[in-house]
Amino acid sequence: MAKRNKAVGKPTYQQADLPTGRQACLPAGRKEKKSYSIFLFIIRFSLVLALLGTIWERTWIALFVSLLTLVLTFLPSFIQQTYRIKLPAEIQIIIILFIYGSLFLGLAREWYHRIWWWDSLMHAFSGLALGFSGFLILYVLYKSGKMQTSSFLIVLFSFCFAVTMGTLWEIFEFSVDIIFSQADMQRTKTMEEVIAYGHPRLAIYDTMRDLILNTIGALIASFSGYVFLKKGKIFIFDKLMKKFDQANPNLS
């Protein structure tokens, strides 16, 4: 049974060997491994088909985005092998779904233009995901004994990390629209788009809405992290952290 430090929720476990190599890349449990492998195969297979389609149609921006998405599906494995931690299947699926939805579906398949609420959904979800990622970074460092800090600073870092990454993404959107004439990430390339949207300052409105949604997601994630550290239980968040603790008993 784990003993929890009331200050930052630091569980202590019996020592065990850290997962390495291929073992570190797979979620625990046979059913989880099988389900995750099927999920990953479907995602990557759809991306390979998309790559072939973009080459045939010579849509080079979509080709680049599809290829980038395919490469980033290996991000969970890279994190685990590099930092010798094990991510539960649920966390890996969340990471890959966010990458797939924001890059491939949003940009390559143009869901940001075809589905009016997709952009808002992705930005709100990015705040949650990035806030959780920021929390997890300091949580791992604290549990592994590499730093000493307080609950407040862990939560503050997770919030600032998510907001900063969201801001950098908006800078990226602006830069892409400036550099590539075919790009329209801020949806302001034509007067028809501005008129249809009904707002004369569409680019500014789009940027501020995205930043606000990202900030709201970051607030929810950081608040959830704070409650978890203080109380050890909060909707969904504590279940993910419990699985993470169980998968990494050596981080103590």
C-alpha atoms as a PDB file:
ATOM      1  CA  MET A   1       0.000   0.000   0.000  1.00  0.00           C
ATOM      2  CA  ALA A   2       1.375   3.397  -0.943  1.00  0.00           C
ATOM      3  CA  LYS A   3       1.893   6.090   1.685  1.00  0.00           C
ATOM      4  CA  ARG A   4       1.003   9.554   0.431  1.00  0.00           C
ATOM      5  CA  ASN A   5       2.831  12.733   1.365  1.00  0.00           C
ATOM      6  CA  LYS A   6       0.077  15.251   2.123  1.00  0.00           C
ATOM      7  CA  ALA A   7       2.065  18.190   0.726  1.00  0.00           C
ATOM      8  CA  VAL A   8       2.344  17.029  -2.861  1.00  0.00           C
ATOM      9  CA  GLY A   9       0.834  13.569  -2.918  1.00  0.00           C
ATOM     10  CA  LYS A  10       4.126  11.693  -3.195  1.00  0.00           C
ATOM     11  CA  PRO A  11       3.474   7.924  -3.026  1.00  0.00           C
ATOM     12  CA  THR A  12       6.253   5.537  -2.043  1.00  0.00           C
ATOM     13  CA  TYR A  13       6.486   2.012  -3.432  1.00  0.00           C
ATOM     14  CA  GLN A  14       8.680  -1.023  -3.210  1.00  0.00           C
ATOM     15  CA  GLN A  15      11.615  -0.857  -5.564  1.00  0.00           C
ATOM     16  CA  ALA A  16      11.356  -2.564  -8.968  1.00  0.00           C
ATOM     17  CA  ASP A  17      13.308  -2.495 -12.185  1.00  0.00           C
ATOM     18  CA  LEU A  18      12.545   0.407 -14.471  1.00  0.00           C
ATOM     19  CA  PRO A  19      11.049  -0.616 -17.833  1.00  0.00           C
ATOM     20  CA  THR A  20      13.472  -0.384 -20.717  1.00  0.00           C
ATOM     21  CA  GLY A  21      13.450  -0.801 -24.492  1.00  0.00           C
ATOM     22  CA  ARG A  22      10.354  -2.358 -26.070  1.00  0.00           C
ATOM     23  CA  GLN A  23       8.936  -3.203 -22.630  1.00  0.00           C
ATOM     24  CA  ALA A  24       8.763   0.515 -21.818  1.00  0.00           C
ATOM     25  CA  CYS A  25       6.766   1.300 -24.957  1.00  0.00           C
ATOM     26  CA  LEU A  26       3.798  -0.943 -24.280  1.00  0.00           C
ATOM     27  CA  PRO A  27       1.011  -0.353 -21.747  1.00  0.00           C
ATOM     28  CA  ALA A  28       0.638  -2.939 -19.003  1.00  0.00           C
ATOM     29  CA  GLY A  29      -1.897  -5.764 -19.274  1.00  0.00           C
ATOM     30  CA  ARG A  30      -2.531  -8.101 -22.187  1.00  0.00           C
ATOM     31  CA  LYS A  31      -5.916  -6.629 -23.058  1.00  0.00           C
ATOM     32  CA  GLU A  32      -4.559  -3.088 -22.916  1.00  0.00           C
ATOM     33  CA  LYS A  33      -1.570  -4.046 -25.066  1.00  0.00           C
ATOM     34  CA  LYS A  34      -3.787  -5.661 -27.681  1.00  0.00           C
ATOM     35  CA  SER A  35      -6.310  -2.804 -27.737  1.00  0.00           C
ATOM     36  CA  TYR A  36      -3.569  -0.197 -27.921  1.00  0.00           C
ATOM     37  CA  SER A  37      -1.762  -2.064 -30.717  1.00  0.00           C
ATOM     38  CA  ILE A  38      -4.990  -2.246 -32.756  1.00  0.00           C
ATOM     39  CA  PHE A  39      -5.689   1.442 -32.133  1.00  0.00           C
ATOM     40  CA  LEU A  40      -2.155   2.415 -33.164  1.00  0.00           C
ATOM     41  CA  PHE A  41      -2.311   0.254 -36.291  1.00  0.00           C
ATOM     42  CA  ILE A  42      -5.576   1.887 -37.423  1.00  0.00           C
ATOM     43  CA  ILE A  43      -4.187   5.394 -36.870  1.00  0.00           C
ATOM     44  CA  ARG A  44      -0.916   4.723 -38.694  1.00  0.00           C
ATOM     45  CA  PHE A  45      -2.576   2.785 -41.516  1.00  0.00           C
ATOM     46  CA  SER A  46      -4.950   5.697 -42.172  1.00  0.00           C
ATOM     47  CA  LEU A  47      -1.977   8.063 -42.248  1.00  0.00           C
ATOM     48  CA  VAL A  48      -0.075   5.873 -44.725  1.00  0.00           C
ATOM     49  CA  LEU A  49      -3.139   5.827 -46.992  1.00  0.00           C
ATOM     50  CA  ALA A  50      -3.391   9.595 -46.664  1.00  0.00           C
ATOM     51  CA  LEU A  51       0.275   9.969 -47.602  1.00  0.00           C
ATOM     52  CA  LEU A  52      -0.240   7.946 -50.748  1.00  0.00           C
ATOM     53  CA  GLY A  53      -3.314  10.013 -51.603  1.00  0.00           C
ATOM     54  CA  THR A  54      -1.513  13.328 -51.133  1.00  0.00           C
ATOM     55  CA  ILE A  55       1.357  12.164 -53.346  1.00  0.00           C
ATOM     56  CA  TRP A  56      -1.125  11.140 -56.054  1.00  0.00           C
ATOM     57  CA  GLU A  57      -3.005  14.454 -55.797  1.00  0.00           C
ATOM     58  CA  ARG A  58       0.221  16.476 -55.329  1.00  0.00           C
ATOM     59  CA  THR A  59      -1.109  18.345 -52.313  1.00  0.00           C
ATOM     60  CA  TRP A  60       2.245  19.012 -50.701  1.00  0.00           C
ATOM     61  CA  ILE A  61       1.088  20.837 -47.588  1.00  0.00           C
ATOM     62  CA  ALA A  62      -1.255  17.944 -46.740  1.00  0.00           C
ATOM     63  CA  LEU A  63       1.619  15.556 -47.465  1.00  0.00           C
ATOM     64  CA  PHE A  64       3.888  17.369 -45.009  1.00  0.00           C
ATOM     65  CA  VAL A  65       1.211  17.501 -42.289  1.00  0.00           C
ATOM     66  CA  SER A  66       0.314  13.808 -42.749  1.00  0.00           C
ATOM     67  CA  LEU A  67       3.978  12.810 -42.593  1.00  0.00           C
ATOM     68  CA  LEU A  68       4.523  14.958 -39.494  1.00  0.00           C
ATOM     69  CA  THR A  69       1.495  13.357 -37.827  1.00  0.00           C
ATOM     70  CA  LEU A  70       2.800   9.873 -38.624  1.00  0.00           C
ATOM     71  CA  VAL A  71       6.191  10.708 -37.110  1.00  0.00           C
ATOM     72  CA  LEU A  72       4.578  12.159 -33.981  1.00  0.00           C
ATOM     73  CA  THR A  73       2.621   8.947 -33.337  1.00  0.00           C
ATOM     74  CA  PHE A  74       5.985   7.612 -32.130  1.00  0.00           C
ATOM     75  CA  LEU A  75       6.204  10.387 -29.506  1.00  0.00           C
ATOM     76  CA  PRO A  76       4.895   8.275 -26.571  1.00  0.00           C
ATOM     77  CA  SER A  77       7.468   5.562 -27.346  1.00  0.00           C
ATOM     78  CA  PHE A  78      10.223   8.171 -27.599  1.00  0.00           C
ATOM     79  CA  ILE A  79       9.260   9.683 -24.240  1.00  0.00           C
ATOM     80  CA  GLN A  80       9.224   6.296 -22.537  1.00  0.00           C
ATOM     81  CA  GLN A  81      12.522   5.081 -23.945  1.00  0.00           C
ATOM     82  CA  THR A  82      14.300   8.401 -23.402  1.00  0.00           C
ATOM     83  CA  TYR A  83      13.113   9.124 -19.866  1.00  0.00           C
ATOM     84  CA  ARG A  84      12.606   5.497 -18.767  1.00  0.00           C
ATOM     85  CA  ILE A  85       9.028   5.934 -17.644  1.00  0.00           C
ATOM     86  CA  LYS A  86       5.975   3.932 -18.596  1.00  0.00           C
ATOM     87  CA  LEU A  87       2.835   5.680 -19.839  1.00  0.00           C
ATOM     88  CA  PRO A  88      -0.521   3.932 -19.302  1.00  0.00           C
ATOM     89  CA  ALA A  89      -2.513   3.102 -22.439  1.00  0.00           C
ATOM     90  CA  GLU A  90      -5.063   5.821 -21.707  1.00  0.00           C
ATOM     91  CA  ILE A  91      -2.421   8.561 -21.626  1.00  0.00           C
ATOM     92  CA  GLN A  92      -0.793   7.313 -24.829  1.00  0.00           C
ATOM     93  CA  ILE A  93      -4.167   7.232 -26.590  1.00  0.00           C
ATOM     94  CA  ILE A  94      -4.963  10.795 -25.451  1.00  0.00           C
ATOM     95  CA  ILE A  95      -1.609  12.036 -26.801  1.00  0.00           C
ATOM     96  CA  ILE A  96      -2.030  10.337 -30.178  1.00  0.00           C
ATOM     97  CA  LEU A  97      -5.689  11.330 -30.570  1.00  0.00           C
ATOM     98  CA  PHE A  98      -4.799  14.963 -29.902  1.00  0.00           C
ATOM     99  CA  ILE A  99      -1.984  14.880 -32.478  1.00  0.00           C
ATOM    100  CA  TYR A 100      -4.218  13.100 -35.010  1.00  0.00           C
ATOM    101  CA  GLY A 101      -7.178  15.418 -34.451  1.00  0.00           C
ATOM    102  CA  SER A 102      -5.306  18.725 -34.398  1.00  0.00           C
ATOM    103  CA  LEU A 103      -2.788  18.084 -37.179  1.00  0.00           C
ATOM    104  CA  PHE A 104      -4.114  15.446 -39.560  1.00  0.00           C
ATOM    105  CA  LEU A 105      -7.877  15.963 -39.274  1.00  0.00           C
ATOM    106  CA  GLY A 106      -7.683  19.682 -38.585  1.00  0.00           C
ATOM    107  CA  LEU A 107      -5.075  20.704 -41.167  1.00  0.00           C
ATOM    108  CA  ALA A 108      -4.611  17.933 -43.728  1.00  0.00           C
ATOM    109  CA  ARG A 109      -8.306  17.018 -43.892  1.00  0.00           C
ATOM    110  CA  GLU A 110      -9.395  20.643 -43.335  1.00  0.00           C
ATOM    111  CA  TRP A 111     -11.780  19.915 -40.479  1.00  0.00           C
ATOM    112  CA  TYR A 112     -11.010  23.380 -39.087  1.00  0.00           C
ATOM    113  CA  HIS A 113     -12.842  24.759 -42.130  1.00  0.00           C
ATOM    114  CA  ARG A 114     -15.453  22.030 -42.621  1.00  0.00           C
ATOM    115  CA  ILE A 115     -16.577  21.686 -38.977  1.00  0.00           C
ATOM    116  CA  TRP A 116     -17.046  25.065 -37.318  1.00  0.00           C
ATOM    117  CA  TRP A 117     -16.548  23.829 -33.738  1.00  0.00           C
ATOM    118  CA  TRP A 118     -13.494  21.618 -34.392  1.00  0.00           C
ATOM    119  CA  ASP A 119     -10.986  24.437 -33.876  1.00  0.00           C
ATOM    120  CA  SER A 120     -12.557  25.398 -30.532  1.00  0.00           C
ATOM    121  CA  LEU A 121     -12.644  21.774 -29.400  1.00  0.00           C
ATOM    122  CA  MET A 122      -8.976  21.219 -30.220  1.00  0.00           C
ATOM    123  CA  HIS A 123      -7.834  24.385 -28.455  1.00  0.00           C
ATOM    124  CA  ALA A 124      -9.823  23.595 -25.316  1.00  0.00           C
ATOM    125  CA  PHE A 125      -8.550  20.027 -25.377  1.00  0.00           C
ATOM    126  CA  SER A 126      -4.977  21.240 -25.948  1.00  0.00           C
ATOM    127  CA  GLY A 127      -5.180  23.312 -22.766  1.00  0.00           C
ATOM    128  CA  LEU A 128      -6.261  20.234 -20.831  1.00  0.00           C
ATOM    129  CA  ALA A 129      -3.673  17.962 -22.424  1.00  0.00           C
ATOM    130  CA  LEU A 130      -0.781  20.410 -22.124  1.00  0.00           C
ATOM    131  CA  GLY A 131      -1.750  21.312 -18.566  1.00  0.00           C
ATOM    132  CA  PHE A 132      -1.736  17.638 -17.644  1.00  0.00           C
ATOM    133  CA  SER A 133       1.612  17.206 -19.435  1.00  0.00           C
ATOM    134  CA  GLY A 134       3.146  20.101 -17.502  1.00  0.00           C
ATOM    135  CA  PHE A 135       1.840  18.645 -14.256  1.00  0.00           C
ATOM    136  CA  LEU A 136       3.224  15.227 -15.126  1.00  0.00           C
ATOM    137  CA  ILE A 137       6.696  16.643 -15.896  1.00  0.00           C
ATOM    138  CA  LEU A 138       7.132  18.157 -12.423  1.00  0.00           C
ATOM    139  CA  TYR A 139       5.330  15.251 -10.761  1.00  0.00           C
ATOM    140  CA  VAL A 140       7.901  12.827 -12.209  1.00  0.00           C
ATOM    141  CA  LEU A 141      10.816  15.067 -11.238  1.00  0.00           C
ATOM    142  CA  TYR A 142       9.491  15.385  -7.695  1.00  0.00           C
ATOM    143  CA  LYS A 143       8.756  11.702  -7.211  1.00  0.00           C
ATOM    144  CA  SER A 144      12.147  10.711  -8.604  1.00  0.00           C
ATOM    145  CA  GLY A 145      13.834  12.980  -6.068  1.00  0.00           C
ATOM    146  CA  LYS A 146      15.378  15.252  -8.704  1.00  0.00           C
ATOM    147  CA  MET A 147      13.740  18.378  -7.293  1.00  0.00           C
ATOM    148  CA  GLN A 148      11.962  19.619  -4.208  1.00  0.00           C
ATOM    149  CA  THR A 149       8.965  21.900  -4.623  1.00  0.00           C
ATOM    150  CA  SER A 150       5.461  22.666  -3.380  1.00  0.00           C
ATOM    151  CA  SER A 151       2.027  21.755  -4.656  1.00  0.00           C
ATOM    152  CA  PHE A 152       1.417  25.348  -5.699  1.00  0.00           C
ATOM    153  CA  LEU A 153       4.558  25.556  -7.843  1.00  0.00           C
ATOM    154  CA  ILE A 154       3.778  22.244  -9.566  1.00  0.00           C
ATOM    155  CA  VAL A 155       0.311  23.481 -10.433  1.00  0.00           C
ATOM    156  CA  LEU A 156       1.577  26.940 -11.456  1.00  0.00           C
ATOM    157  CA  PHE A 157       4.113  25.359 -13.789  1.00  0.00           C
ATOM    158  CA  SER A 158       1.463  23.132 -15.391  1.00  0.00           C
ATOM    159  CA  PHE A 159      -0.749  26.169 -16.038  1.00  0.00           C
ATOM    160  CA  CYS A 160       2.077  28.332 -17.414  1.00  0.00           C
ATOM    161  CA  PHE A 161       3.370  25.466 -19.547  1.00  0.00           C
ATOM    162  CA  ALA A 162      -0.032  24.977 -21.218  1.00  0.00           C
ATOM    163  CA  VAL A 163      -0.621  28.704 -21.802  1.00  0.00           C
ATOM    164  CA  THR A 164       2.888  29.185 -23.203  1.00  0.00           C
ATOM    165  CA  MET A 165       2.547  26.272 -25.623  1.00  0.00           C
ATOM    166  CA  GLY A 166      -0.860  27.585 -26.725  1.00  0.00           C
ATOM    167  CA  THR A 167       0.661  31.001 -27.401  1.00  0.00           C
ATOM    168  CA  LEU A 168       3.519  29.466 -29.393  1.00  0.00           C
ATOM    169  CA  TRP A 169       0.943  27.597 -31.486  1.00  0.00           C
ATOM    170  CA  GLU A 170      -0.793  30.883 -32.349  1.00  0.00           C
ATOM    171  CA  ILE A 171       2.569  32.320 -33.410  1.00  0.00           C
ATOM    172  CA  PHE A 172       3.044  29.197 -35.535  1.00  0.00           C
ATOM    173  CA  GLU A 173      -0.369  29.687 -37.196  1.00  0.00           C
ATOM    174  CA  PHE A 174       0.444  33.309 -38.013  1.00  0.00           C
ATOM    175  CA  SER A 175       3.894  32.386 -39.366  1.00  0.00           C
ATOM    176  CA  VAL A 176       2.530  29.627 -41.594  1.00  0.00           C
ATOM    177  CA  ASP A 177      -0.051  31.986 -43.108  1.00  0.00           C
ATOM    178  CA  ILE A 178       2.677  34.541 -43.804  1.00  0.00           C
ATOM    179  CA  ILE A 179       5.221  32.093 -45.265  1.00  0.00           C
ATOM    180  CA  PHE A 180       2.927  29.818 -47.286  1.00  0.00           C
ATOM    181  CA  SER A 181       0.504  31.544 -49.608  1.00  0.00           C
ATOM    182  CA  GLN A 182      -1.792  28.500 -49.806  1.00  0.00           C
ATOM    183  CA  ALA A 183      -2.154  28.211 -46.036  1.00  0.00           C
ATOM    184  CA  ASP A 184      -5.155  29.705 -44.259  1.00  0.00           C
ATOM    185  CA  MET A 185      -4.798  28.680 -40.614  1.00  0.00           C
ATOM    186  CA  GLN A 186      -6.376  31.902 -39.332  1.00  0.00           C
ATOM    187  CA  ARG A 187      -9.137  31.740 -41.951  1.00  0.00           C
ATOM    188  CA  THR A 188      -8.668  35.292 -43.218  1.00  0.00           C
ATOM    189  CA  LYS A 189      -7.288  34.793 -46.727  1.00  0.00           C
ATOM    190  CA  THR A 190     -10.406  35.846 -48.592  1.00  0.00           C
ATOM    191  CA  MET A 191     -12.999  38.547 -48.075  1.00  0.00           C
ATOM    192  CA  GLU A 192     -15.697  35.897 -48.493  1.00  0.00           C
ATOM    193  CA  GLU A 193     -14.473  34.178 -45.320  1.00  0.00           C
ATOM    194  CA  VAL A 194     -14.526  37.416 -43.342  1.00  0.00           C
ATOM    195  CA  ILE A 195     -18.018  38.315 -44.562  1.00  0.00           C
ATOM    196  CA  ALA A 196     -19.332  34.810 -43.939  1.00  0.00           C
ATOM    197  CA  TYR A 197     -17.942  34.875 -40.414  1.00  0.00           C
ATOM    198  CA  GLY A 198     -19.585  38.226 -39.756  1.00  0.00           C
ATOM    199  CA  HIS A 199     -16.641  39.804 -37.926  1.00  0.00           C
ATOM    200  CA  PRO A 200     -14.361  42.520 -39.452  1.00  0.00           C
ATOM    201  CA  ARG A 201     -11.419  41.596 -37.179  1.00  0.00           C
ATOM    202  CA  LEU A 202     -11.593  37.875 -37.791  1.00  0.00           C
ATOM    203  CA  ALA A 203      -7.878  37.098 -37.348  1.00  0.00           C
ATOM    204  CA  ILE A 204      -7.691  38.830 -33.962  1.00  0.00           C
ATOM    205  CA  TYR A 205     -10.985  37.299 -32.874  1.00  0.00           C
ATOM    206  CA  ASP A 206      -9.811  33.810 -33.903  1.00  0.00           C
ATOM    207  CA  THR A 207      -6.503  34.198 -32.059  1.00  0.00           C
ATOM    208  CA  MET A 208      -8.039  35.546 -28.848  1.00  0.00           C
ATOM    209  CA  ARG A 209     -10.770  32.905 -28.804  1.00  0.00           C
ATOM    210  CA  ASP A 210      -8.155  30.172 -29.202  1.00  0.00           C
ATOM    211  CA  LEU A 211      -6.008  31.630 -26.406  1.00  0.00           C
ATOM    212  CA  ILE A 212      -9.007  31.954 -24.082  1.00  0.00           C
ATOM    213  CA  LEU A 213     -10.126  28.370 -24.726  1.00  0.00           C
ATOM    214  CA  ASN A 214      -6.571  27.126 -24.207  1.00  0.00           C
ATOM    215  CA  THR A 215      -6.343  29.064 -20.933  1.00  0.00           C
ATOM    216  CA  ILE A 216      -9.650  27.637 -19.702  1.00  0.00           C
ATOM    217  CA  GLY A 217      -8.404  24.123 -20.449  1.00  0.00           C
ATOM    218  CA  ALA A 218      -5.127  24.896 -18.658  1.00  0.00           C
ATOM    219  CA  LEU A 219      -7.036  26.175 -15.607  1.00  0.00           C
ATOM    220  CA  ILE A 220      -9.139  23.016 -15.440  1.00  0.00           C
ATOM    221  CA  ALA A 221      -6.063  20.772 -15.744  1.00  0.00           C
ATOM    222  CA  SER A 222      -4.003  22.692 -13.174  1.00  0.00           C
ATOM    223  CA  PHE A 223      -6.926  22.896 -10.725  1.00  0.00           C
ATOM    224  CA  SER A 224      -7.466  19.149 -11.109  1.00  0.00           C
ATOM    225  CA  GLY A 225      -3.774  18.603 -10.411  1.00  0.00           C
ATOM    226  CA  TYR A 226      -3.962  20.735  -7.266  1.00  0.00           C
ATOM    227  CA  VAL A 227      -6.981  18.845  -5.947  1.00  0.00           C
ATOM    228  CA  PHE A 228      -5.235  15.552  -6.722  1.00  0.00           C
ATOM    229  CA  LEU A 229      -2.127  16.581  -4.784  1.00  0.00           C
ATOM    230  CA  LYS A 230      -4.166  17.764  -1.811  1.00  0.00           C
ATOM    231  CA  LYS A 231      -7.016  15.260  -1.733  1.00  0.00           C
ATOM    232  CA  GLY A 232      -5.737  12.381  -3.889  1.00  0.00           C
ATOM    233  CA  LYS A 233      -9.048  12.066  -5.698  1.00  0.00           C
ATOM    234  CA  ILE A 234     -10.746  13.990  -8.503  1.00  0.00           C
ATOM    235  CA  PHE A 235     -12.855  13.030 -11.509  1.00  0.00           C
ATOM    236  CA  ILE A 236     -10.818  10.995 -14.073  1.00  0.00           C
ATOM    237  CA  PHE A 237      -7.556  12.800 -13.205  1.00  0.00           C
ATOM    238  CA  ASP A 238      -6.856  10.613 -10.183  1.00  0.00           C
ATOM    239  CA  LYS A 239      -7.524   7.439 -12.183  1.00  0.00           C
ATOM    240  CA  LEU A 240      -4.915   8.419 -14.779  1.00  0.00           C
ATOM    241  CA  MET A 241      -2.394   9.300 -12.073  1.00  0.00           C
ATOM    242  CA  LYS A 242      -3.096   6.080 -10.186  1.00  0.00           C
ATOM    243  CA  LYS A 243      -2.356   4.054 -13.320  1.00  0.00           C
ATOM    244  CA  PHE A 244       0.764   6.111 -13.921  1.00  0.00           C
ATOM    245  CA  ASP A 245       1.959   5.456 -10.344  1.00  0.00           C
ATOM    246  CA  GLN A 246       1.271   1.743 -10.679  1.00  0.00           C
ATOM    247  CA  ALA A 247       3.167   1.591 -13.980  1.00  0.00           C
ATOM    248  CA  ASN A 248       6.158   3.433 -12.487  1.00  0.00           C
ATOM    249  CA  PRO A 249       6.688   2.116  -8.931  1.00  0.00           C
ATOM    250  CA  ASN A 250      10.346   3.183  -8.969  1.00  0.00           C
ATOM    251  CA  LEU A 251       9.629   6.907  -9.077  1.00  0.00           C
ATOM    252  CA  SER A 252      10.022   7.431  -5.361  1.00  0.00           C
END
